[in-house]
C-alpha atoms as a PDB file:
ATOM      1  CA  MET A   1       1.966  24.321   4.145  1.00  0.00           C
ATOM      2  CA  ILE A   2       5.320  24.836   5.868  1.00  0.00           C
ATOM      3  CA  TYR A   3       7.647  27.229   4.067  1.00  0.00           C
ATOM      4  CA  PRO A   4      11.194  27.066   5.454  1.00  0.00           C
ATOM      5  CA  LYS A   5      13.316  30.183   5.905  1.00  0.00           C
ATOM      6  CA  PHE A   6      14.935  31.439   2.732  1.00  0.00           C
ATOM      7  CA  LEU A   7      18.660  31.970   2.367  1.00  0.00           C
ATOM      8  CA  LYS A   8      20.378  35.138   3.503  1.00  0.00           C
ATOM      9  CA  PRO A   9      24.061  36.122   3.276  1.00  0.00           C
ATOM     10  CA  GLY A  10      26.188  34.206   5.753  1.00  0.00           C
ATOM     11  CA  ASP A  11      23.923  31.145   5.757  1.00  0.00           C
ATOM     12  CA  THR A  12      25.305  27.704   5.034  1.00  0.00           C
ATOM     13  CA  ILE A  13      24.181  25.490   2.171  1.00  0.00           C
ATOM     14  CA  GLY A  14      24.534  21.776   2.846  1.00  0.00           C
ATOM     15  CA  ILE A  15      25.031  19.478  -0.133  1.00  0.00           C
ATOM     16  CA  CYS A  16      24.431  15.730  -0.105  1.00  0.00           C
ATOM     17  CA  ALA A  17      24.238  13.088  -2.814  1.00  0.00           C
ATOM     18  CA  PRO A  18      21.031  11.089  -2.278  1.00  0.00           C
ATOM     19  CA  SER A  19      21.348   9.787  -5.840  1.00  0.00           C
ATOM     20  CA  ASP A  20      24.555  10.166  -7.889  1.00  0.00           C
ATOM     21  CA  GLY A  21      27.782  11.760  -6.754  1.00  0.00           C
ATOM     22  CA  LYS A  22      29.800  14.315  -8.663  1.00  0.00           C
ATOM     23  CA  ASN A  23      33.057  13.612 -10.460  1.00  0.00           C
ATOM     24  CA  PRO A  24      35.887  14.935  -8.226  1.00  0.00           C
ATOM     25  CA  ASP A  25      37.559  16.714 -11.168  1.00  0.00           C
ATOM     26  CA  ASP A  26      34.375  18.314 -12.547  1.00  0.00           C
ATOM     27  CA  THR A  27      35.460  21.921 -13.069  1.00  0.00           C
ATOM     28  CA  SER A  28      31.953  23.066 -14.029  1.00  0.00           C
ATOM     29  CA  TYR A  29      30.664  21.889 -10.658  1.00  0.00           C
ATOM     30  CA  ASP A  30      33.278  24.006  -8.891  1.00  0.00           C
ATOM     31  CA  ILE A  31      32.124  27.008 -10.928  1.00  0.00           C
ATOM     32  CA  SER A  32      28.616  26.518  -9.514  1.00  0.00           C
ATOM     33  CA  LEU A  33      29.793  26.212  -5.915  1.00  0.00           C
ATOM     34  CA  ASN A  34      32.058  29.230  -6.299  1.00  0.00           C
ATOM     35  CA  TYR A  35      29.111  31.204  -7.602  1.00  0.00           C
ATOM     36  CA  LEU A  36      27.093  30.313  -4.498  1.00  0.00           C
ATOM     37  CA  LYS A  37      30.020  31.387  -2.319  1.00  0.00           C
ATOM     38  CA  GLU A  38      30.285  34.683  -4.207  1.00  0.00           C
ATOM     39  CA  GLU A  39      26.596  35.225  -3.428  1.00  0.00           C
ATOM     40  CA  GLY A  40      27.591  35.218   0.250  1.00  0.00           C
ATOM     41  CA  TYR A  41      26.802  31.652   1.281  1.00  0.00           C
ATOM     42  CA  ASN A  42      28.979  29.096   2.987  1.00  0.00           C
ATOM     43  CA  VAL A  43      29.017  25.633   1.398  1.00  0.00           C
ATOM     44  CA  TYR A  44      29.365  22.311   3.186  1.00  0.00           C
ATOM     45  CA  GLU A  45      29.566  19.026   1.257  1.00  0.00           C
ATOM     46  CA  THR A  46      28.941  15.649   2.858  1.00  0.00           C
ATOM     47  CA  PRO A  47      31.763  13.117   2.317  1.00  0.00           C
ATOM     48  CA  ASN A  48      30.042  11.267  -0.536  1.00  0.00           C
ATOM     49  CA  VAL A  49      29.309  14.212  -2.822  1.00  0.00           C
ATOM     50  CA  ARG A  50      32.590  13.860  -4.751  1.00  0.00           C
ATOM     51  CA  THR A  51      32.765  10.080  -5.083  1.00  0.00           C
ATOM     52  CA  GLY A  52      31.887  10.195  -8.775  1.00  0.00           C
ATOM     53  CA  LYS A  53      29.875   7.008  -8.233  1.00  0.00           C
ATOM     54  CA  LYS A  54      26.426   6.123  -9.547  1.00  0.00           C
ATOM     55  CA  PRO A  55      24.924   6.061  -6.958  1.00  0.00           C
ATOM     56  CA  SER A  56      27.217   8.020  -4.673  1.00  0.00           C
ATOM     57  CA  ALA A  57      27.239   5.439  -1.837  1.00  0.00           C
ATOM     58  CA  ASP A  58      25.160   2.670  -0.294  1.00  0.00           C
ATOM     59  CA  PRO A  59      21.528   3.540   0.574  1.00  0.00           C
ATOM     60  CA  THR A  60      22.067   3.852   4.338  1.00  0.00           C
ATOM     61  CA  THR A  61      25.019   6.182   3.934  1.00  0.00           C
ATOM     62  CA  ARG A  62      23.158   8.394   1.468  1.00  0.00           C
ATOM     63  CA  ALA A  63      20.192   8.660   3.840  1.00  0.00           C
ATOM     64  CA  ASN A  64      22.420   9.335   6.850  1.00  0.00           C
ATOM     65  CA  ASP A  65      24.094  12.200   4.994  1.00  0.00           C
ATOM     66  CA  PHE A  66      20.679  13.746   4.317  1.00  0.00           C
ATOM     67  CA  ASN A  67      19.556  13.105   7.915  1.00  0.00           C
ATOM     68  CA  GLU A  68      22.697  14.826   9.190  1.00  0.00           C
ATOM     69  CA  LEU A  69      22.026  17.949   7.162  1.00  0.00           C
ATOM     70  CA  MET A  70      18.410  18.066   8.293  1.00  0.00           C
ATOM     71  CA  LYS A  71      19.449  17.748  11.943  1.00  0.00           C
ATOM     72  CA  ARG A  72      22.350  20.197  12.062  1.00  0.00           C
ATOM     73  CA  ASP A  73      21.484  23.685  13.282  1.00  0.00           C
ATOM     74  CA  ASP A  74      24.351  25.205  11.292  1.00  0.00           C
ATOM     75  CA  ILE A  75      22.897  24.064   7.941  1.00  0.00           C
ATOM     76  CA  ASP A  76      20.265  26.418   6.528  1.00  0.00           C
ATOM     77  CA  PHE A  77      19.427  24.981   3.099  1.00  0.00           C
ATOM     78  CA  ILE A  78      19.977  21.589   1.439  1.00  0.00           C
ATOM     79  CA  PHE A  79      20.839  20.904  -2.189  1.00  0.00           C
ATOM     80  CA  ALA A  80      21.022  17.530  -3.893  1.00  0.00           C
ATOM     81  CA  ALA A  81      24.353  17.219  -5.687  1.00  0.00           C
ATOM     82  CA  ALA A  82      23.003  15.508  -8.797  1.00  0.00           C
ATOM     83  CA  GLY A  83      20.302  13.402 -10.362  1.00  0.00           C
ATOM     84  CA  GLY A  84      20.721   9.722 -11.151  1.00  0.00           C
ATOM     85  CA  GLU A  85      18.725   6.525 -11.009  1.00  0.00           C
ATOM     86  CA  PHE A  86      18.632   4.979  -7.531  1.00  0.00           C
ATOM     87  CA  LEU A  87      17.404   7.536  -4.977  1.00  0.00           C
ATOM     88  CA  MET A  88      14.487   5.260  -4.042  1.00  0.00           C
ATOM     89  CA  GLU A  89      16.951   2.923  -2.273  1.00  0.00           C
ATOM     90  CA  MET A  90      17.624   5.485   0.458  1.00  0.00           C
ATOM     91  CA  LEU A  91      14.007   6.383   1.269  1.00  0.00           C
ATOM     92  CA  PRO A  92      13.587   3.586   3.858  1.00  0.00           C
ATOM     93  CA  TYR A  93      16.448   5.105   5.860  1.00  0.00           C
ATOM     94  CA  VAL A  94      15.266   8.711   5.943  1.00  0.00           C
ATOM     95  CA  ASP A  95      14.725   9.541   9.609  1.00  0.00           C
ATOM     96  CA  ASP A  96      11.132  10.754  10.006  1.00  0.00           C
ATOM     97  CA  GLU A  97      11.744  11.684  13.634  1.00  0.00           C
ATOM     98  CA  ILE A  98      14.433  14.173  12.660  1.00  0.00           C
ATOM     99  CA  ILE A  99      12.039  15.757  10.170  1.00  0.00           C
ATOM    100  CA  LYS A 100       9.265  15.919  12.769  1.00  0.00           C
ATOM    101  CA  GLU A 101      11.680  17.515  15.232  1.00  0.00           C
ATOM    102  CA  THR A 102      12.574  20.262  12.756  1.00  0.00           C
ATOM    103  CA  ILE A 103       8.867  20.973  12.327  1.00  0.00           C
ATOM    104  CA  ALA A 104       8.222  21.063  16.070  1.00  0.00           C
ATOM    105  CA  ASN A 105      11.156  23.435  16.632  1.00  0.00           C
ATOM    106  CA  ASN A 106      10.385  25.628  13.607  1.00  0.00           C
ATOM    107  CA  LYS A 107      13.689  24.642  11.993  1.00  0.00           C
ATOM    108  CA  THR A 108      12.579  23.082   8.749  1.00  0.00           C
ATOM    109  CA  LYS A 109      14.888  23.569   5.747  1.00  0.00           C
ATOM    110  CA  TRP A 110      14.449  23.880   2.035  1.00  0.00           C
ATOM    111  CA  PHE A 111      15.499  20.851   0.039  1.00  0.00           C
ATOM    112  CA  SER A 112      16.177  21.594  -3.609  1.00  0.00           C
ATOM    113  CA  GLY A 113      16.716  18.899  -6.221  1.00  0.00           C
ATOM    114  CA  PHE A 114      16.224  18.087  -9.858  1.00  0.00           C
ATOM    115  CA  SER A 115      15.405  14.878 -11.769  1.00  0.00           C
ATOM    116  CA  ASN A 116      15.844  11.726  -9.623  1.00  0.00           C
ATOM    117  CA  PRO A 117      15.619  13.696  -6.321  1.00  0.00           C
ATOM    118  CA  THR A 118      11.928  14.136  -7.221  1.00  0.00           C
ATOM    119  CA  LEU A 119      11.242  11.104  -5.007  1.00  0.00           C
ATOM    120  CA  LEU A 120      12.611  12.759  -1.870  1.00  0.00           C
ATOM    121  CA  LEU A 121      10.939  16.070  -2.714  1.00  0.00           C
ATOM    122  CA  MET A 122       7.584  14.316  -3.097  1.00  0.00           C
ATOM    123  CA  TYR A 123       8.018  12.458   0.178  1.00  0.00           C
ATOM    124  CA  LEU A 124       8.839  15.600   2.157  1.00  0.00           C
ATOM    125  CA  THR A 125       6.008  17.661   0.689  1.00  0.00           C
ATOM    126  CA  THR A 126       3.206  15.103   0.532  1.00  0.00           C
ATOM    127  CA  LYS A 127       3.845  13.479   3.931  1.00  0.00           C
ATOM    128  CA  PHE A 128       5.114  16.391   6.029  1.00  0.00           C
ATOM    129  CA  ASP A 129       3.681  19.462   4.243  1.00  0.00           C
ATOM    130  CA  ILE A 130       7.185  20.890   3.863  1.00  0.00           C
ATOM    131  CA  ALA A 131       7.524  22.928   0.684  1.00  0.00           C
ATOM    132  CA  THR A 132      10.411  21.850  -1.549  1.00  0.00           C
ATOM    133  CA  MET A 133      12.075  23.172  -4.706  1.00  0.00           C
ATOM    134  CA  TYR A 134      12.297  21.409  -8.057  1.00  0.00           C
ATOM    135  CA  GLY A 135      14.600  22.587 -10.827  1.00  0.00           C
ATOM    136  CA  CYS A 136      18.105  22.976  -9.386  1.00  0.00           C
ATOM    137  CA  ASN A 137      20.763  20.656  -8.025  1.00  0.00           C
ATOM    138  CA  SER A 138      23.847  22.272  -6.510  1.00  0.00           C
ATOM    139  CA  GLY A 139      25.671  22.215  -9.850  1.00  0.00           C
ATOM    140  CA  ALA A 140      23.003  24.211 -11.688  1.00  0.00           C
ATOM    141  CA  PHE A 141      24.966  27.483 -11.663  1.00  0.00           C
ATOM    142  CA  SER A 142      27.954  26.127 -13.577  1.00  0.00           C
ATOM    143  CA  TYR A 143      28.223  28.954 -16.116  1.00  0.00           C
ATOM    144  CA  LYS A 144      30.303  32.083 -16.217  1.00  0.00           C
ATOM    145  CA  ASN A 145      27.303  33.937 -17.632  1.00  0.00           C
ATOM    146  CA  LEU A 146      24.090  33.037 -15.837  1.00  0.00           C
ATOM    147  CA  HIS A 147      20.963  32.892 -17.981  1.00  0.00           C
ATOM    148  CA  LYS A 148      17.883  34.728 -16.703  1.00  0.00           C
ATOM    149  CA  SER A 149      16.297  31.404 -15.717  1.00  0.00           C
ATOM    150  CA  LEU A 150      19.199  30.749 -13.340  1.00  0.00           C
ATOM    151  CA  GLN A 151      19.117  34.306 -12.061  1.00  0.00           C
ATOM    152  CA  ASP A 152      15.430  33.721 -11.265  1.00  0.00           C
ATOM    153  CA  ALA A 153      16.298  30.480  -9.451  1.00  0.00           C
ATOM    154  CA  LEU A 154      18.801  32.349  -7.280  1.00  0.00           C
ATOM    155  CA  LYS A 155      16.118  34.913  -6.465  1.00  0.00           C
ATOM    156  CA  ILE A 156      13.740  32.147  -5.427  1.00  0.00           C
ATOM    157  CA  ILE A 157      16.149  30.527  -2.969  1.00  0.00           C
ATOM    158  CA  LYS A 158      16.489  33.986  -1.401  1.00  0.00           C
ATOM    159  CA  GLY A 159      12.704  34.371  -1.143  1.00  0.00           C
ATOM    160  CA  ASP A 160      12.378  36.969  -3.901  1.00  0.00           C
ATOM    161  CA  ILE A 161       9.975  35.014  -6.115  1.00  0.00           C
ATOM    162  CA  PRO A 162       9.694  36.465  -9.626  1.00  0.00           C
ATOM    163  CA  VAL A 163       7.134  35.708 -12.286  1.00  0.00           C
ATOM    164  CA  GLN A 164       8.909  33.198 -14.519  1.00  0.00           C
ATOM    165  CA  GLU A 165       8.180  33.643 -18.208  1.00  0.00           C
ATOM    166  CA  SER A 166       8.634  31.349 -21.188  1.00  0.00           C
ATOM    167  CA  PHE A 167      11.634  31.773 -23.474  1.00  0.00           C
ATOM    168  CA  ASP A 168      11.725  31.869 -27.260  1.00  0.00           C
ATOM    169  CA  LYS A 169      14.737  29.554 -27.506  1.00  0.00           C
ATOM    170  CA  CYS A 170      15.875  26.351 -25.813  1.00  0.00           C
ATOM    171  CA  GLU A 171      19.065  24.297 -25.699  1.00  0.00           C
ATOM    172  CA  ARG A 172      18.751  21.198 -27.887  1.00  0.00           C
ATOM    173  CA  ILE A 173      22.286  19.798 -27.645  1.00  0.00           C
ATOM    174  CA  SER A 174      24.020  16.621 -26.544  1.00  0.00           C
ATOM    175  CA  PHE A 175      25.627  16.446 -23.102  1.00  0.00           C
ATOM    176  CA  ASP A 176      29.167  16.631 -24.495  1.00  0.00           C
ATOM    177  CA  GLU A 177      28.440  19.949 -26.227  1.00  0.00           C
ATOM    178  CA  GLU A 178      27.656  21.913 -23.069  1.00  0.00           C
ATOM    179  CA  SER A 179      29.598  25.104 -22.421  1.00  0.00           C
ATOM    180  CA  GLU A 180      30.907  26.679 -19.224  1.00  0.00           C
ATOM    181  CA  GLU A 181      30.307  30.127 -20.730  1.00  0.00           C
ATOM    182  CA  GLY A 182      26.515  29.977 -20.834  1.00  0.00           C
ATOM    183  CA  LEU A 183      23.476  28.222 -22.238  1.00  0.00           C
ATOM    184  CA  ILE A 184      23.515  27.406 -25.955  1.00  0.00           C
ATOM    185  CA  LEU A 185      20.026  28.453 -27.026  1.00  0.00           C
ATOM    186  CA  ASN A 186      19.823  27.146 -30.581  1.00  0.00           C
ATOM    187  CA  THR A 187      16.252  25.881 -31.051  1.00  0.00           C
ATOM    188  CA  ASP A 188      12.929  27.696 -31.292  1.00  0.00           C
ATOM    189  CA  SER A 189      10.599  26.985 -28.403  1.00  0.00           C
ATOM    190  CA  LYS A 190       6.961  27.709 -27.686  1.00  0.00           C
ATOM    191  CA  TRP A 191       4.347  26.425 -25.290  1.00  0.00           C
ATOM    192  CA  ILE A 192       1.565  24.222 -26.658  1.00  0.00           C
ATOM    193  CA  THR A 193      -1.987  24.308 -25.271  1.00  0.00           C
ATOM    194  CA  PRO A 194      -3.791  21.444 -27.064  1.00  0.00           C
ATOM    195  CA  ASN A 195      -7.049  21.977 -25.164  1.00  0.00           C
ATOM    196  CA  GLY A 196      -7.118  25.750 -25.586  1.00  0.00           C
ATOM    197  CA  GLU A 197      -5.819  28.849 -23.843  1.00  0.00           C
ATOM    198  CA  VAL A 198      -4.835  28.214 -20.200  1.00  0.00           C
ATOM    199  CA  ASP A 199      -5.271  30.328 -17.060  1.00  0.00           C
ATOM    200  CA  ILE A 200      -5.190  28.125 -13.947  1.00  0.00           C
ATOM    201  CA  GLU A 201      -4.314  28.472 -10.279  1.00  0.00           C
ATOM    202  CA  GLY A 202      -3.786  25.705  -7.733  1.00  0.00           C
ATOM    203  CA  ARG A 203      -1.422  23.947  -5.365  1.00  0.00           C
ATOM    204  CA  LEU A 204       1.750  22.827  -7.197  1.00  0.00           C
ATOM    205  CA  ILE A 205       3.118  19.288  -7.041  1.00  0.00           C
ATOM    206  CA  GLY A 206       5.183  17.225  -9.439  1.00  0.00           C
ATOM    207  CA  GLY A 207       8.674  16.565 -10.759  1.00  0.00           C
ATOM    208  CA  CYS A 208      10.371  14.066 -13.056  1.00  0.00           C
ATOM    209  CA  ILE A 209       7.644  11.669 -14.185  1.00  0.00           C
ATOM    210  CA  ASP A 210      10.194   9.013 -15.180  1.00  0.00           C
ATOM    211  CA  THR A 211      10.914   8.461 -11.462  1.00  0.00           C
ATOM    212  CA  LEU A 212       7.344   8.386 -10.177  1.00  0.00           C
ATOM    213  CA  VAL A 213       6.784   4.789 -11.266  1.00  0.00           C
ATOM    214  CA  PHE A 214       9.187   3.885  -8.433  1.00  0.00           C
ATOM    215  CA  PHE A 215       7.226   5.978  -5.913  1.00  0.00           C
ATOM    216  CA  HIS A 216       3.569   5.451  -6.750  1.00  0.00           C
ATOM    217  CA  GLY A 217       1.810   2.881  -4.561  1.00  0.00           C
ATOM    218  CA  THR A 218       4.717   2.360  -2.165  1.00  0.00           C
ATOM    219  CA  ARG A 219       4.672   3.054   1.577  1.00  0.00           C
ATOM    220  CA  PHE A 220       6.295   6.411   0.783  1.00  0.00           C
ATOM    221  CA  ASP A 221       3.369   7.548  -1.377  1.00  0.00           C
ATOM    222  CA  PHE A 222       1.266  10.088   0.539  1.00  0.00           C
ATOM    223  CA  VAL A 223      -0.057  11.864  -2.542  1.00  0.00           C
ATOM    224  CA  LYS A 224      -3.724  11.056  -1.944  1.00  0.00           C
ATOM    225  CA  ASP A 225      -3.478  12.371   1.620  1.00  0.00           C
ATOM    226  CA  PHE A 226      -1.849  15.534   0.291  1.00  0.00           C
ATOM    227  CA  ILE A 227      -4.445  16.242  -2.373  1.00  0.00           C
ATOM    228  CA  GLU A 228      -7.262  15.683   0.126  1.00  0.00           C
ATOM    229  CA  ARG A 229      -5.734  18.262   2.473  1.00  0.00           C
ATOM    230  CA  TYR A 230      -5.525  20.821  -0.325  1.00  0.00           C
ATOM    231  CA  LYS A 231      -8.558  19.894  -2.397  1.00  0.00           C
ATOM    232  CA  ASP A 232     -10.135  23.329  -1.872  1.00  0.00           C
ATOM    233  CA  ASP A 233      -7.163  24.899  -3.657  1.00  0.00           C
ATOM    234  CA  GLY A 234      -7.154  22.353  -6.449  1.00  0.00           C
ATOM    235  CA  ILE A 235      -3.969  20.758  -7.698  1.00  0.00           C
ATOM    236  CA  ILE A 236      -1.729  21.709 -10.618  1.00  0.00           C
ATOM    237  CA  TRP A 237       0.430  18.783 -11.647  1.00  0.00           C
ATOM    238  CA  TYR A 238       3.699  19.497 -13.433  1.00  0.00           C
ATOM    239  CA  PHE A 239       5.723  16.757 -15.111  1.00  0.00           C
ATOM    240  CA  ASP A 240       9.266  16.781 -16.444  1.00  0.00           C
ATOM    241  CA  ASN A 241       9.590  13.899 -18.924  1.00  0.00           C
ATOM    242  CA  PHE A 242      13.246  12.953 -19.353  1.00  0.00           C
ATOM    243  CA  GLY A 243      12.901  10.039 -21.737  1.00  0.00           C
ATOM    244  CA  LEU A 244       9.571   8.229 -21.555  1.00  0.00           C
ATOM    245  CA  SER A 245       8.274   7.212 -24.965  1.00  0.00           C
ATOM    246  CA  THR A 246       4.824   8.424 -25.929  1.00  0.00           C
ATOM    247  CA  GLU A 247       3.454   4.986 -25.100  1.00  0.00           C
ATOM    248  CA  ASP A 248       5.150   4.855 -21.691  1.00  0.00           C
ATOM    249  CA  LEU A 249       4.051   8.396 -20.856  1.00  0.00           C
ATOM    250  CA  TYR A 250       0.458   7.501 -21.669  1.00  0.00           C
ATOM    251  CA  SER A 251       0.684   4.327 -19.544  1.00  0.00           C
ATOM    252  CA  GLU A 252       2.182   6.202 -16.594  1.00  0.00           C
ATOM    253  CA  LEU A 253      -0.473   8.927 -16.728  1.00  0.00           C
ATOM    254  CA  TRP A 254      -3.237   6.318 -17.042  1.00  0.00           C
ATOM    255  CA  THR A 255      -1.909   4.508 -13.971  1.00  0.00           C
ATOM    256  CA  LEU A 256      -1.664   7.676 -11.879  1.00  0.00           C
ATOM    257  CA  ARG A 257      -5.118   8.789 -12.996  1.00  0.00           C
ATOM    258  CA  GLU A 258      -6.731   5.453 -12.136  1.00  0.00           C
ATOM    259  CA  SER A 259      -4.979   5.391  -8.746  1.00  0.00           C
ATOM    260  CA  GLY A 260      -6.693   8.658  -7.775  1.00  0.00           C
ATOM    261  CA  TRP A 261      -3.728  11.027  -7.913  1.00  0.00           C
ATOM    262  CA  PHE A 262      -5.543  13.398 -10.280  1.00  0.00           C
ATOM    263  CA  LYS A 263      -8.854  13.576  -8.379  1.00  0.00           C
ATOM    264  CA  TYR A 264      -8.623  17.322  -7.719  1.00  0.00           C
ATOM    265  CA  ALA A 265      -6.470  18.298 -10.699  1.00  0.00           C
ATOM    266  CA  LYS A 266      -7.169  21.742 -12.150  1.00  0.00           C
ATOM    267  CA  GLY A 267      -4.611  21.353 -14.907  1.00  0.00           C
ATOM    268  CA  PHE A 268      -1.404  19.726 -16.102  1.00  0.00           C
ATOM    269  CA  VAL A 269       1.920  21.178 -17.213  1.00  0.00           C
ATOM    270  CA  PHE A 270       4.506  19.172 -19.172  1.00  0.00           C
ATOM    271  CA  GLY A 271       8.054  20.074 -20.102  1.00  0.00           C
ATOM    272  CA  ARG A 272       9.993  19.406 -23.277  1.00  0.00           C
ATOM    273  CA  THR A 273      11.002  15.731 -23.519  1.00  0.00           C
ATOM    274  CA  MET A 274      14.768  15.259 -23.631  1.00  0.00           C
ATOM    275  CA  PHE A 275      14.788  11.942 -25.521  1.00  0.00           C
ATOM    276  CA  GLU A 276      11.675  11.534 -27.654  1.00  0.00           C
ATOM    277  CA  SER A 277      10.558   8.162 -29.016  1.00  0.00           C
ATOM    278  CA  THR A 278       7.515   6.197 -30.154  1.00  0.00           C
ATOM    279  CA  HIS A 279       6.949   2.787 -31.698  1.00  0.00           C
ATOM    280  CA  THR A 280       3.300   3.370 -32.614  1.00  0.00           C
ATOM    281  CA  GLY A 281       3.550   6.770 -34.270  1.00  0.00           C
ATOM    282  CA  THR A 282       1.706   8.388 -31.357  1.00  0.00           C
ATOM    283  CA  THR A 283       2.662  11.995 -30.656  1.00  0.00           C
ATOM    284  CA  TYR A 284       3.192  13.340 -27.139  1.00  0.00           C
ATOM    285  CA  VAL A 285       0.126  15.565 -27.491  1.00  0.00           C
ATOM    286  CA  GLU A 286      -1.958  12.530 -28.503  1.00  0.00           C
ATOM    287  CA  ALA A 287      -0.588  10.495 -25.589  1.00  0.00           C
ATOM    288  CA  VAL A 288      -1.405  13.210 -23.040  1.00  0.00           C
ATOM    289  CA  GLN A 289      -4.890  13.875 -24.400  1.00  0.00           C
ATOM    290  CA  ARG A 290      -5.614  10.159 -24.546  1.00  0.00           C
ATOM    291  CA  ALA A 291      -4.723   9.834 -20.863  1.00  0.00           C
ATOM    292  CA  LEU A 292      -6.198  13.084 -19.532  1.00  0.00           C
ATOM    293  CA  GLY A 293      -8.883  14.107 -22.014  1.00  0.00           C
ATOM    294  CA  THR A 294      -9.504  17.107 -24.218  1.00  0.00           C
ATOM    295  CA  GLU A 295     -11.329  19.328 -21.717  1.00  0.00           C
ATOM    296  CA  ILE A 296      -8.930  19.842 -18.792  1.00  0.00           C
ATOM    297  CA  PRO A 297      -6.309  22.605 -19.174  1.00  0.00           C
ATOM    298  CA  ILE A 298      -2.981  21.248 -20.450  1.00  0.00           C
ATOM    299  CA  ILE A 299       0.269  23.039 -21.278  1.00  0.00           C
ATOM    300  CA  MET A 300       3.115  21.219 -23.037  1.00  0.00           C
ATOM    301  CA  GLU A 301       6.668  22.008 -24.184  1.00  0.00           C
ATOM    302  CA  THR A 302       7.306  24.259 -21.174  1.00  0.00           C
ATOM    303  CA  GLU A 303      10.430  25.102 -19.160  1.00  0.00           C
ATOM    304  CA  VAL A 304       9.625  22.279 -16.713  1.00  0.00           C
ATOM    305  CA  SER A 305      12.249  20.195 -18.431  1.00  0.00           C
ATOM    306  CA  HIS A 306      15.695  18.639 -18.593  1.00  0.00           C
ATOM    307  CA  ILE A 307      16.141  20.813 -21.678  1.00  0.00           C
ATOM    308  CA  LYS A 308      17.391  24.238 -20.621  1.00  0.00           C
ATOM    309  CA  PRO A 309      16.354  26.877 -19.762  1.00  0.00           C
ATOM    310  CA  ARG A 310      14.148  25.629 -16.966  1.00  0.00           C
ATOM    311  CA  PHE A 311      11.931  27.014 -14.231  1.00  0.00           C
ATOM    312  CA  CYS A 312      12.397  26.566 -10.499  1.00  0.00           C
ATOM    313  CA  LEU A 313       9.090  25.389  -8.973  1.00  0.00           C
ATOM    314  CA  ILE A 314       8.017  25.203  -5.345  1.00  0.00           C
ATOM    315  CA  ASN A 315       6.116  22.060  -4.438  1.00  0.00           C
ATOM    316  CA  GLY A 316       3.267  23.049  -2.150  1.00  0.00           C
ATOM    317  CA  ALA A 317       3.055  26.675  -3.257  1.00  0.00           C
ATOM    318  CA  ILE A 318       0.093  28.170  -5.074  1.00  0.00           C
ATOM    319  CA  GLY A 319       0.963  28.344  -8.743  1.00  0.00           C
ATOM    320  CA  HIS A 320      -0.696  30.463 -11.397  1.00  0.00           C
ATOM    321  CA  PHE A 321       0.015  29.318 -14.954  1.00  0.00           C
ATOM    322  CA  LYS A 322      -1.039  31.318 -17.976  1.00  0.00           C
ATOM    323  CA  SER A 323      -0.459  30.384 -21.598  1.00  0.00           C
ATOM    324  CA  LYS A 324      -1.610  31.879 -24.878  1.00  0.00           C
ATOM    325  CA  ASP A 325      -0.212  32.023 -28.422  1.00  0.00           C
ATOM    326  CA  GLY A 326       2.847  29.912 -27.637  1.00  0.00           C
ATOM    327  CA  LYS A 327       3.980  31.941 -24.633  1.00  0.00           C
ATOM    328  CA  GLY A 328       3.277  31.634 -20.944  1.00  0.00           C
ATOM    329  CA  SER A 329       4.211  32.370 -17.358  1.00  0.00           C
ATOM    330  CA  LEU A 330       4.249  30.965 -13.839  1.00  0.00           C
ATOM    331  CA  GLU A 331       3.572  33.080 -10.779  1.00  0.00           C
ATOM    332  CA  MET A 332       3.965  31.461  -7.349  1.00  0.00           C
ATOM    333  CA  SER A 333       2.688  32.593  -3.964  1.00  0.00           C
ATOM    334  CA  LEU A 334       3.319  31.138  -0.511  1.00  0.00           C
ATOM    335  CA  LYS A 335      -0.125  30.583   0.980  1.00  0.00           C
END
């Protein structure tokens, strides 16, 4: 596994918009970028970050912006600007030769994204063995008072990887209720282990499961190659479900299971679903157990979620998840 160099003061963060762009008058986004600058980093935005469009630009342009950041020696770390819906359109235009050149010259870079950028994270990690980060787009630090989860994320991008622990409260609010002051933690939260207490270690891979239907089985899907390379470590799959119904989640998991993605799975971790729904009365626990069984370790309602607070996870790292009595933790090591 290739672990790029972590950020240090004076380094430059490059931001592109492989999915959606940011609204040019989004004051909360500026708070996040200013925070990164106060941490000692320079920030460079590609021209399409502030278009406010969904997606930010045409597929070729979005890919070229990413390719530029990968190629430039003066860019040390890459953030996706935002999530969205249409990142898959730019995958055909990602320049593999540029990526291979960074590997050959020991100049690979971290790419960090959240939600729709899952597709690009998966491609980089499963095809090229480049570790990537899931959990933060460049606007993640848009609060005057940073929650511990965001403080942990900042530590991770610096290479100081803490043990991330579950929180007793989460933020169950609508998008128009968000605050620039800090997270609004107004709902009790606890991890669920439907198949019993969990203590598992394995190679981490995953992201937003809503997007994986657009990735699975395409020419960009190198998951089975990846899991074969790391079968001795075993695989821990983590899934952030934004809005799949219980029926759609079951169907997606069934499809991925039958395609062979879960051949070496040692366990599964699911986040809190942002928009819950069912038309059959099936619960999310029932859907997951129906797809994966009642024997394999499963953790649900975790901080791998669109609902804040959330963890920052490193695709390709060794992850150690523990969960008991509604609480849990994730420890990651770079092996």
